[in-house]
C-alpha atoms as a PDB file:
ATOM      1  CA  UNK A   1      57.789   0.760  10.128  1.00  0.00           C
ATOM      2  CA  UNK A   2      55.481  -1.517   8.129  1.00  0.00           C
ATOM      3  CA  UNK A   3      52.007   0.040   7.959  1.00  0.00           C
ATOM      4  CA  UNK A   4      50.373  -3.144   9.252  1.00  0.00           C
ATOM      5  CA  UNK A   5      52.531  -2.980  12.382  1.00  0.00           C
ATOM      6  CA  UNK A   6      51.497   0.674  12.794  1.00  0.00           C
ATOM      7  CA  UNK A   7      47.844  -0.304  12.378  1.00  0.00           C
ATOM      8  CA  UNK A   8      48.030  -3.161  14.892  1.00  0.00           C
ATOM      9  CA  UNK A   9      49.835  -0.918  17.375  1.00  0.00           C
ATOM     10  CA  UNK A  10      47.022   1.615  17.058  1.00  0.00           C
ATOM     11  CA  UNK A  11      44.479  -1.135  17.755  1.00  0.00           C
ATOM     12  CA  UNK A  12      46.442  -2.111  20.873  1.00  0.00           C
ATOM     13  CA  UNK A  13      46.714   1.504  21.988  1.00  0.00           C
ATOM     14  CA  UNK A  14      42.946   1.987  21.884  1.00  0.00           C
ATOM     15  CA  UNK A  15      42.263  -1.242  23.766  1.00  0.00           C
ATOM     16  CA  UNK A  16      44.969  -0.484  26.357  1.00  0.00           C
ATOM     17  CA  UNK A  17      43.930   3.131  26.940  1.00  0.00           C
ATOM     18  CA  UNK A  18      40.284   2.158  27.321  1.00  0.00           C
ATOM     19  CA  UNK A  19      40.601  -0.988  29.452  1.00  0.00           C
ATOM     20  CA  UNK A  20      38.537   0.484  32.298  1.00  0.00           C
ATOM     21  CA  UNK A  21      35.833   1.814  29.978  1.00  0.00           C
ATOM     22  CA  UNK A  22      35.513  -1.567  28.234  1.00  0.00           C
ATOM     23  CA  UNK A  23      35.419  -3.485  31.521  1.00  0.00           C
ATOM     24  CA  UNK A  24      32.776  -1.175  33.005  1.00  0.00           C
ATOM     25  CA  UNK A  25      30.748  -0.892  29.798  1.00  0.00           C
ATOM     26  CA  UNK A  26      31.268   2.853  29.509  1.00  0.00           C
ATOM     27  CA  UNK A  27      31.040   3.342  25.760  1.00  0.00           C
ATOM     28  CA  UNK A  28      31.135   6.637  23.868  1.00  0.00           C
ATOM     29  CA  UNK A  29      27.735   7.237  22.235  1.00  0.00           C
ATOM     30  CA  UNK A  30      27.402   8.105  18.529  1.00  0.00           C
ATOM     31  CA  UNK A  31      24.813   8.336  15.780  1.00  0.00           C
ATOM     32  CA  UNK A  32      24.714   4.552  15.147  1.00  0.00           C
ATOM     33  CA  UNK A  33      23.583   3.590  18.639  1.00  0.00           C
ATOM     34  CA  UNK A  34      26.544   1.215  18.999  1.00  0.00           C
ATOM     35  CA  UNK A  35      29.027   2.613  21.504  1.00  0.00           C
ATOM     36  CA  UNK A  36      32.738   2.972  20.822  1.00  0.00           C
ATOM     37  CA  UNK A  37      36.102   3.449  22.480  1.00  0.00           C
ATOM     38  CA  UNK A  38      38.831   5.411  20.759  1.00  0.00           C
ATOM     39  CA  UNK A  39      41.478   8.104  20.553  1.00  0.00           C
ATOM     40  CA  UNK A  40      41.737  11.358  18.655  1.00  0.00           C
ATOM     41  CA  UNK A  41      44.443  12.443  16.233  1.00  0.00           C
ATOM     42  CA  UNK A  42      46.790   9.749  14.904  1.00  0.00           C
ATOM     43  CA  UNK A  43      48.860   9.179  11.749  1.00  0.00           C
ATOM     44  CA  UNK A  44      49.871   6.167   9.653  1.00  0.00           C
ATOM     45  CA  UNK A  45      52.504   6.366   6.912  1.00  0.00           C
ATOM     46  CA  UNK A  46      53.496   3.887   4.211  1.00  0.00           C
ATOM     47  CA  UNK A  47      56.139   3.815   1.478  1.00  0.00           C
ATOM     48  CA  UNK A  48      54.806   1.980  -1.575  1.00  0.00           C
ATOM     49  CA  UNK A  49      58.297   0.555  -2.167  1.00  0.00           C
ATOM     50  CA  UNK A  50      57.546  -1.770   0.776  1.00  0.00           C
ATOM     51  CA  UNK A  51      54.598  -3.368  -1.005  1.00  0.00           C
ATOM     52  CA  UNK A  52      50.913  -2.669  -1.459  1.00  0.00           C
ATOM     53  CA  UNK A  53      49.188  -2.003   1.903  1.00  0.00           C
ATOM     54  CA  UNK A  54      46.519  -4.693   1.834  1.00  0.00           C
ATOM     55  CA  UNK A  55      46.538  -5.829   5.457  1.00  0.00           C
ATOM     56  CA  UNK A  56      47.324  -9.506   5.917  1.00  0.00           C
ATOM     57  CA  UNK A  57      46.128 -10.237   9.469  1.00  0.00           C
ATOM     58  CA  UNK A  58      42.641 -10.650   8.032  1.00  0.00           C
ATOM     59  CA  UNK A  59      41.458 -11.021   4.451  1.00  0.00           C
ATOM     60  CA  UNK A  60      40.810  -7.751   2.641  1.00  0.00           C
ATOM     61  CA  UNK A  61      37.975  -8.025   0.133  1.00  0.00           C
ATOM     62  CA  UNK A  62      39.905  -6.255  -2.609  1.00  0.00           C
ATOM     63  CA  UNK A  63      37.198  -6.618  -5.258  1.00  0.00           C
ATOM     64  CA  UNK A  64      35.002  -4.297  -3.201  1.00  0.00           C
ATOM     65  CA  UNK A  65      37.888  -1.840  -2.850  1.00  0.00           C
ATOM     66  CA  UNK A  66      38.292  -1.789  -6.631  1.00  0.00           C
ATOM     67  CA  UNK A  67      34.567  -1.525  -7.317  1.00  0.00           C
ATOM     68  CA  UNK A  68      34.013   1.356  -4.922  1.00  0.00           C
ATOM     69  CA  UNK A  69      37.001   3.352  -6.171  1.00  0.00           C
ATOM     70  CA  UNK A  70      35.998   2.888  -9.815  1.00  0.00           C
ATOM     71  CA  UNK A  71      32.479   3.968  -8.792  1.00  0.00           C
ATOM     72  CA  UNK A  72      33.829   7.159  -7.234  1.00  0.00           C
ATOM     73  CA  UNK A  73      36.001   7.863 -10.281  1.00  0.00           C
ATOM     74  CA  UNK A  74      33.034   7.324 -12.588  1.00  0.00           C
ATOM     75  CA  UNK A  75      31.185  10.055 -10.724  1.00  0.00           C
ATOM     76  CA  UNK A  76      28.374   7.620  -9.922  1.00  0.00           C
ATOM     77  CA  UNK A  77      26.251   7.535  -6.777  1.00  0.00           C
ATOM     78  CA  UNK A  78      23.808   4.778  -7.731  1.00  0.00           C
ATOM     79  CA  UNK A  79      23.888   1.253  -6.358  1.00  0.00           C
ATOM     80  CA  UNK A  80      23.550  -0.405  -9.779  1.00  0.00           C
ATOM     81  CA  UNK A  81      27.220   0.213 -10.656  1.00  0.00           C
ATOM     82  CA  UNK A  82      28.329  -1.472  -7.428  1.00  0.00           C
ATOM     83  CA  UNK A  83      25.875  -4.358  -7.612  1.00  0.00           C
ATOM     84  CA  UNK A  84      27.017  -5.211 -11.146  1.00  0.00           C
ATOM     85  CA  UNK A  85      30.491  -5.686  -9.666  1.00  0.00           C
ATOM     86  CA  UNK A  86      29.328  -7.712  -6.674  1.00  0.00           C
ATOM     87  CA  UNK A  87      29.720  -4.918  -4.135  1.00  0.00           C
ATOM     88  CA  UNK A  88      27.029  -4.245  -1.514  1.00  0.00           C
ATOM     89  CA  UNK A  89      28.905  -2.156   1.080  1.00  0.00           C
ATOM     90  CA  UNK A  90      26.666   0.882   0.573  1.00  0.00           C
ATOM     91  CA  UNK A  91      23.309  -0.924   0.677  1.00  0.00           C
ATOM     92  CA  UNK A  92      22.553  -0.220   4.344  1.00  0.00           C
ATOM     93  CA  UNK A  93      23.358   3.468   4.035  1.00  0.00           C
ATOM     94  CA  UNK A  94      21.029   3.736   1.049  1.00  0.00           C
ATOM     95  CA  UNK A  95      18.292   1.858   2.893  1.00  0.00           C
ATOM     96  CA  UNK A  96      18.426   4.404   5.730  1.00  0.00           C
ATOM     97  CA  UNK A  97      18.012   7.199   3.166  1.00  0.00           C
ATOM     98  CA  UNK A  98      15.026   6.034   1.165  1.00  0.00           C
ATOM     99  CA  UNK A  99      17.043   3.854  -1.187  1.00  0.00           C
ATOM    100  CA  UNK A 100      19.355   6.588  -2.460  1.00  0.00           C
ATOM    101  CA  UNK A 101      22.767   7.856  -1.394  1.00  0.00           C
ATOM    102  CA  UNK A 102      22.551  11.453  -2.547  1.00  0.00           C
ATOM    103  CA  UNK A 103      25.480  13.581  -3.773  1.00  0.00           C
ATOM    104  CA  UNK A 104      28.284  11.628  -2.066  1.00  0.00           C
ATOM    105  CA  UNK A 105      31.922  11.127  -3.086  1.00  0.00           C
ATOM    106  CA  UNK A 106      31.603  10.466  -6.830  1.00  0.00           C
ATOM    107  CA  UNK A 107      29.393  13.513  -7.364  1.00  0.00           C
ATOM    108  CA  UNK A 108      31.782  15.776  -5.484  1.00  0.00           C
ATOM    109  CA  UNK A 109      34.944  14.345  -7.047  1.00  0.00           C
ATOM    110  CA  UNK A 110      33.701  14.675 -10.628  1.00  0.00           C
ATOM    111  CA  UNK A 111      30.887  17.240 -10.677  1.00  0.00           C
ATOM    112  CA  UNK A 112      31.134  19.645  -7.725  1.00  0.00           C
ATOM    113  CA  UNK A 113      28.514  22.365  -8.188  1.00  0.00           C
ATOM    114  CA  UNK A 114      29.892  25.748  -7.270  1.00  0.00           C
ATOM    115  CA  UNK A 115      27.933  28.732  -5.983  1.00  0.00           C
ATOM    116  CA  UNK A 116      28.757  30.432  -9.292  1.00  0.00           C
ATOM    117  CA  UNK A 117      26.701  27.849 -11.189  1.00  0.00           C
ATOM    118  CA  UNK A 118      29.724  26.102 -12.692  1.00  0.00           C
ATOM    119  CA  UNK A 119      30.491  22.400 -12.327  1.00  0.00           C
ATOM    120  CA  UNK A 120      34.020  21.331 -11.374  1.00  0.00           C
ATOM    121  CA  UNK A 121      35.712  18.001 -12.134  1.00  0.00           C
ATOM    122  CA  UNK A 122      38.240  17.869  -9.303  1.00  0.00           C
ATOM    123  CA  UNK A 123      39.856  14.605 -10.446  1.00  0.00           C
ATOM    124  CA  UNK A 124      40.430  15.800 -14.025  1.00  0.00           C
ATOM    125  CA  UNK A 125      41.831  19.096 -12.749  1.00  0.00           C
ATOM    126  CA  UNK A 126      44.251  17.530 -10.287  1.00  0.00           C
ATOM    127  CA  UNK A 127      45.540  15.024 -12.862  1.00  0.00           C
ATOM    128  CA  UNK A 128      46.096  17.828 -15.370  1.00  0.00           C
ATOM    129  CA  UNK A 129      48.079  19.801 -12.792  1.00  0.00           C
ATOM    130  CA  UNK A 130      50.175  16.765 -11.822  1.00  0.00           C
ATOM    131  CA  UNK A 131      50.977  16.127 -15.472  1.00  0.00           C
ATOM    132  CA  UNK A 132      52.129  19.705 -15.931  1.00  0.00           C
ATOM    133  CA  UNK A 133      54.414  19.442 -12.899  1.00  0.00           C
ATOM    134  CA  UNK A 134      55.771  16.054 -14.001  1.00  0.00           C
ATOM    135  CA  UNK A 135      56.504  17.333 -17.503  1.00  0.00           C
ATOM    136  CA  UNK A 136      58.568  20.280 -16.261  1.00  0.00           C
ATOM    137  CA  UNK A 137      59.561  19.758 -12.614  1.00  0.00           C
ATOM    138  CA  UNK A 138      61.937  22.737 -12.637  1.00  0.00           C
ATOM    139  CA  UNK A 139      59.218  25.200 -13.591  1.00  0.00           C
ATOM    140  CA  UNK A 140      57.296  26.753 -10.667  1.00  0.00           C
ATOM    141  CA  UNK A 141      53.635  25.795 -10.632  1.00  0.00           C
ATOM    142  CA  UNK A 142      51.271  28.000  -8.602  1.00  0.00           C
ATOM    143  CA  UNK A 143      49.092  24.967  -7.887  1.00  0.00           C
ATOM    144  CA  UNK A 144      51.874  22.644  -6.702  1.00  0.00           C
ATOM    145  CA  UNK A 145      50.681  22.900  -3.092  1.00  0.00           C
ATOM    146  CA  UNK A 146      47.009  22.991  -4.048  1.00  0.00           C
ATOM    147  CA  UNK A 147      46.604  19.503  -5.489  1.00  0.00           C
ATOM    148  CA  UNK A 148      43.551  18.834  -3.340  1.00  0.00           C
ATOM    149  CA  UNK A 149      40.310  16.942  -3.928  1.00  0.00           C
ATOM    150  CA  UNK A 150      37.574  17.679  -1.409  1.00  0.00           C
ATOM    151  CA  UNK A 151      34.268  15.759  -1.022  1.00  0.00           C
ATOM    152  CA  UNK A 152      33.031  17.907   1.891  1.00  0.00           C
ATOM    153  CA  UNK A 153      30.554  20.147   0.057  1.00  0.00           C
ATOM    154  CA  UNK A 154      28.690  21.950   2.845  1.00  0.00           C
ATOM    155  CA  UNK A 155      25.761  22.824   0.584  1.00  0.00           C
ATOM    156  CA  UNK A 156      25.134  19.123  -0.163  1.00  0.00           C
ATOM    157  CA  UNK A 157      25.702  17.525   3.251  1.00  0.00           C
ATOM    158  CA  UNK A 158      22.036  17.316   4.240  1.00  0.00           C
ATOM    159  CA  UNK A 159      21.195  15.444   1.027  1.00  0.00           C
ATOM    160  CA  UNK A 160      23.897  12.806   1.587  1.00  0.00           C
ATOM    161  CA  UNK A 161      23.053   9.442   3.128  1.00  0.00           C
ATOM    162  CA  UNK A 162      26.332   9.825   5.033  1.00  0.00           C
ATOM    163  CA  UNK A 163      28.615  12.878   5.084  1.00  0.00           C
ATOM    164  CA  UNK A 164      32.137  11.995   3.864  1.00  0.00           C
ATOM    165  CA  UNK A 165      34.191  10.139   6.460  1.00  0.00           C
ATOM    166  CA  UNK A 166      37.394  10.418   4.400  1.00  0.00           C
ATOM    167  CA  UNK A 167      38.707  13.362   2.429  1.00  0.00           C
ATOM    168  CA  UNK A 168      39.950  15.873   1.535  1.00  0.00           C
ATOM    169  CA  UNK A 169      43.144  14.399   0.122  1.00  0.00           C
ATOM    170  CA  UNK A 170      46.219  16.048  -1.337  1.00  0.00           C
ATOM    171  CA  UNK A 171      48.840  14.980  -3.879  1.00  0.00           C
ATOM    172  CA  UNK A 172      52.485  16.061  -3.912  1.00  0.00           C
ATOM    173  CA  UNK A 173      55.128  15.594  -6.619  1.00  0.00           C
ATOM    174  CA  UNK A 174      58.805  15.259  -5.740  1.00  0.00           C
ATOM    175  CA  UNK A 175      61.789  13.629  -7.471  1.00  0.00           C
ATOM    176  CA  UNK A 176      59.658  11.733  -9.967  1.00  0.00           C
ATOM    177  CA  UNK A 177      57.364  10.320  -7.308  1.00  0.00           C
ATOM    178  CA  UNK A 178      53.751  11.041  -6.493  1.00  0.00           C
ATOM    179  CA  UNK A 179      52.739  11.174  -2.828  1.00  0.00           C
ATOM    180  CA  UNK A 180      49.270  11.276  -1.279  1.00  0.00           C
ATOM    181  CA  UNK A 181      47.998  12.445   2.096  1.00  0.00           C
ATOM    182  CA  UNK A 182      44.463  11.722   3.313  1.00  0.00           C
ATOM    183  CA  UNK A 183      42.558  13.435   6.131  1.00  0.00           C
ATOM    184  CA  UNK A 184      39.836  11.320   7.725  1.00  0.00           C
ATOM    185  CA  UNK A 185      37.331  12.772  10.206  1.00  0.00           C
ATOM    186  CA  UNK A 186      35.850   9.457  11.358  1.00  0.00           C
ATOM    187  CA  UNK A 187      37.737   6.169  11.286  1.00  0.00           C
ATOM    188  CA  UNK A 188      36.171   2.787  12.078  1.00  0.00           C
ATOM    189  CA  UNK A 189      39.480   1.096  12.846  1.00  0.00           C
ATOM    190  CA  UNK A 190      38.429  -2.529  12.381  1.00  0.00           C
ATOM    191  CA  UNK A 191      36.117  -2.437   9.363  1.00  0.00           C
ATOM    192  CA  UNK A 192      36.756   0.867   7.634  1.00  0.00           C
ATOM    193  CA  UNK A 193      40.408   1.825   7.977  1.00  0.00           C
ATOM    194  CA  UNK A 194      41.964  -1.234   6.256  1.00  0.00           C
ATOM    195  CA  UNK A 195      39.573  -0.602   3.365  1.00  0.00           C
ATOM    196  CA  UNK A 196      40.402   3.118   3.275  1.00  0.00           C
ATOM    197  CA  UNK A 197      44.143   2.445   3.310  1.00  0.00           C
ATOM    198  CA  UNK A 198      43.877   0.096   0.341  1.00  0.00           C
ATOM    199  CA  UNK A 199      41.519   2.376  -1.570  1.00  0.00           C
ATOM    200  CA  UNK A 200      43.697   5.472  -1.392  1.00  0.00           C
ATOM    201  CA  UNK A 201      46.876   3.465  -1.987  1.00  0.00           C
ATOM    202  CA  UNK A 202      45.200   2.143  -5.134  1.00  0.00           C
ATOM    203  CA  UNK A 203      44.177   5.660  -6.162  1.00  0.00           C
ATOM    204  CA  UNK A 204      47.768   6.807  -5.676  1.00  0.00           C
ATOM    205  CA  UNK A 205      49.060   4.036  -7.967  1.00  0.00           C
ATOM    206  CA  UNK A 206      46.447   4.742 -10.628  1.00  0.00           C
ATOM    207  CA  UNK A 207      47.078   8.496 -10.711  1.00  0.00           C
ATOM    208  CA  UNK A 208      50.844   7.907 -10.695  1.00  0.00           C
ATOM    209  CA  UNK A 209      50.550   5.622 -13.721  1.00  0.00           C
ATOM    210  CA  UNK A 210      48.461   8.024 -15.804  1.00  0.00           C
ATOM    211  CA  UNK A 211      50.765  10.950 -14.975  1.00  0.00           C
ATOM    212  CA  UNK A 212      54.020   9.117 -15.668  1.00  0.00           C
ATOM    213  CA  UNK A 213      55.250   9.099 -12.061  1.00  0.00           C
ATOM    214  CA  UNK A 214      56.184   6.440  -9.531  1.00  0.00           C
ATOM    215  CA  UNK A 215      53.985   5.930  -6.456  1.00  0.00           C
ATOM    216  CA  UNK A 216      55.687   7.307  -3.364  1.00  0.00           C
ATOM    217  CA  UNK A 217      54.257   7.532   0.134  1.00  0.00           C
ATOM    218  CA  UNK A 218      50.748   7.451   1.547  1.00  0.00           C
ATOM    219  CA  UNK A 219      50.135   9.464   4.719  1.00  0.00           C
ATOM    220  CA  UNK A 220      46.878   8.826   6.561  1.00  0.00           C
ATOM    221  CA  UNK A 221      45.706  11.376   9.150  1.00  0.00           C
ATOM    222  CA  UNK A 222      43.038   9.836  11.373  1.00  0.00           C
ATOM    223  CA  UNK A 223      41.034  12.081  13.670  1.00  0.00           C
ATOM    224  CA  UNK A 224      38.250  10.295  15.587  1.00  0.00           C
ATOM    225  CA  UNK A 225      39.676   6.749  15.586  1.00  0.00           C
ATOM    226  CA  UNK A 226      37.373   4.239  17.199  1.00  0.00           C
ATOM    227  CA  UNK A 227      36.530   0.594  17.760  1.00  0.00           C
ATOM    228  CA  UNK A 228      32.859  -0.330  18.016  1.00  0.00           C
ATOM    229  CA  UNK A 229      31.601  -2.241  21.057  1.00  0.00           C
ATOM    230  CA  UNK A 230      30.504  -5.211  18.937  1.00  0.00           C
ATOM    231  CA  UNK A 231      33.952  -5.496  17.288  1.00  0.00           C
ATOM    232  CA  UNK A 232      36.292  -5.543  20.296  1.00  0.00           C
ATOM    233  CA  UNK A 233      36.669  -9.341  20.246  1.00  0.00           C
ATOM    234  CA  UNK A 234      37.402  -9.289  16.528  1.00  0.00           C
ATOM    235  CA  UNK A 235      40.142  -6.695  17.073  1.00  0.00           C
ATOM    236  CA  UNK A 236      41.660  -8.830  19.824  1.00  0.00           C
ATOM    237  CA  UNK A 237      41.741 -11.787  17.449  1.00  0.00           C
ATOM    238  CA  UNK A 238      43.377  -9.753  14.697  1.00  0.00           C
ATOM    239  CA  UNK A 239      46.146  -8.274  16.846  1.00  0.00           C
ATOM    240  CA  UNK A 240      47.080 -11.784  18.018  1.00  0.00           C
ATOM    241  CA  UNK A 241      47.991 -12.742  14.448  1.00  0.00           C
ATOM    242  CA  UNK A 242      51.434 -12.407  12.887  1.00  0.00           C
ATOM    243  CA  UNK A 243      51.479 -10.315   9.678  1.00  0.00           C
ATOM    244  CA  UNK A 244      52.652 -11.787   6.378  1.00  0.00           C
ATOM    245  CA  UNK A 245      54.737  -9.858   3.816  1.00  0.00           C
ATOM    246  CA  UNK A 246      52.674  -7.308   1.909  1.00  0.00           C
ATOM    247  CA  UNK A 247      51.503  -8.152  -1.624  1.00  0.00           C
ATOM    248  CA  UNK A 248      52.240  -6.283  -4.834  1.00  0.00           C
ATOM    249  CA  UNK A 249      49.816  -4.385  -7.043  1.00  0.00           C
ATOM    250  CA  UNK A 250      49.529  -4.972 -10.789  1.00  0.00           C
ATOM    251  CA  UNK A 251      47.956  -2.341 -13.016  1.00  0.00           C
ATOM    252  CA  UNK A 252      47.457  -2.864 -16.726  1.00  0.00           C
ATOM    253  CA  UNK A 253      50.346  -0.795 -18.161  1.00  0.00           C
ATOM    254  CA  UNK A 254      48.353   0.029 -21.279  1.00  0.00           C
ATOM    255  CA  UNK A 255      45.881   2.178 -19.313  1.00  0.00           C
ATOM    256  CA  UNK A 256      46.953   5.809 -19.567  1.00  0.00           C
ATOM    257  CA  UNK A 257      43.736   7.646 -18.591  1.00  0.00           C
ATOM    258  CA  UNK A 258      42.047   7.461 -15.200  1.00  0.00           C
ATOM    259  CA  UNK A 259      38.605   6.738 -16.691  1.00  0.00           C
ATOM    260  CA  UNK A 260      39.850   3.728 -18.674  1.00  0.00           C
ATOM    261  CA  UNK A 261      40.563   1.446 -15.725  1.00  0.00           C
ATOM    262  CA  UNK A 262      38.295  -1.579 -15.285  1.00  0.00           C
ATOM    263  CA  UNK A 263      38.131  -4.271 -12.615  1.00  0.00           C
ATOM    264  CA  UNK A 264      40.332  -6.550 -14.747  1.00  0.00           C
ATOM    265  CA  UNK A 265      43.053  -3.884 -15.027  1.00  0.00           C
ATOM    266  CA  UNK A 266      43.727  -4.017 -11.267  1.00  0.00           C
ATOM    267  CA  UNK A 267      45.048  -7.107  -9.486  1.00  0.00           C
ATOM    268  CA  UNK A 268      46.788  -8.027  -6.246  1.00  0.00           C
ATOM    269  CA  UNK A 269      49.798 -10.316  -6.661  1.00  0.00           C
ATOM    270  CA  UNK A 270      51.083 -12.713  -3.979  1.00  0.00           C
ATOM    271  CA  UNK A 271      48.459 -11.705  -1.431  1.00  0.00           C
ATOM    272  CA  UNK A 272      48.931 -14.098   1.472  1.00  0.00           C
ATOM    273  CA  UNK A 273      46.542 -13.419   4.341  1.00  0.00           C
ATOM    274  CA  UNK A 274      44.945 -14.863   7.452  1.00  0.00           C
ATOM    275  CA  UNK A 275      41.247 -15.845   7.279  1.00  0.00           C
ATOM    276  CA  UNK A 276      38.571 -13.189   7.150  1.00  0.00           C
ATOM    277  CA  UNK A 277      37.171 -11.919  10.449  1.00  0.00           C
ATOM    278  CA  UNK A 278      33.514 -11.088  10.161  1.00  0.00           C
ATOM    279  CA  UNK A 279      31.992  -8.102  11.894  1.00  0.00           C
ATOM    280  CA  UNK A 280      28.702  -6.232  11.632  1.00  0.00           C
ATOM    281  CA  UNK A 281      28.969  -2.665  10.341  1.00  0.00           C
ATOM    282  CA  UNK A 282      27.180  -0.125  12.520  1.00  0.00           C
ATOM    283  CA  UNK A 283      25.022   2.246  10.491  1.00  0.00           C
END
């Protein structure tokens, strides 16, 4: 089933299962002060052969998806990198934390500090392992089921403006294809999840290209899946729309290393979408 249909069905499920709570104003409290309704433990799955999963029932701001992912991959945690690329999605989180974000995703992906005093580049390691498997798929690799990148560094959580909502994630190589599964502890279904889907689908394509594989499937495990009180009407508008065919992704074929990608090397092709639906992010 098309991932957008799966996503819209999940939106409907949450609204249907929580009709009484919404009508009576019984919202689940959380750290933001804006109540939610939701479910726990769901899964979305997409085959990249069906197109790139940029949802079409509202406009996805793909430039911000690209900028944030390149920011993570650069190991950066400063706002300057994002602002130079016109992305301001982390500004409110930084403002709540004295203007800084702390050791969030990029730091953990590229420079995890171990208790032994060593620093670990998880992205470089996982790409090296994938390349070894791709080069000799018949040879057993002890790390074949350990292709995991984890941003949840317990020692650094208190210094983060926001503990990771998404990750760890795991790659898998089979029959010349690269697959990716993501675990997400907290999922803002209207604002965050479409962005997360596109971001990790993009990461899958990029890693597949630099390792000589084809992108396979993306599996998204969502734990606390919720809709914020101030976004219920926006969700109702979105689920009333008919999806368009999914677009395609173009990556510059000359890029062969993960750190060489730029904004111009990543483009959506034939992205037909409904108008944007604005909503305030709860922080």
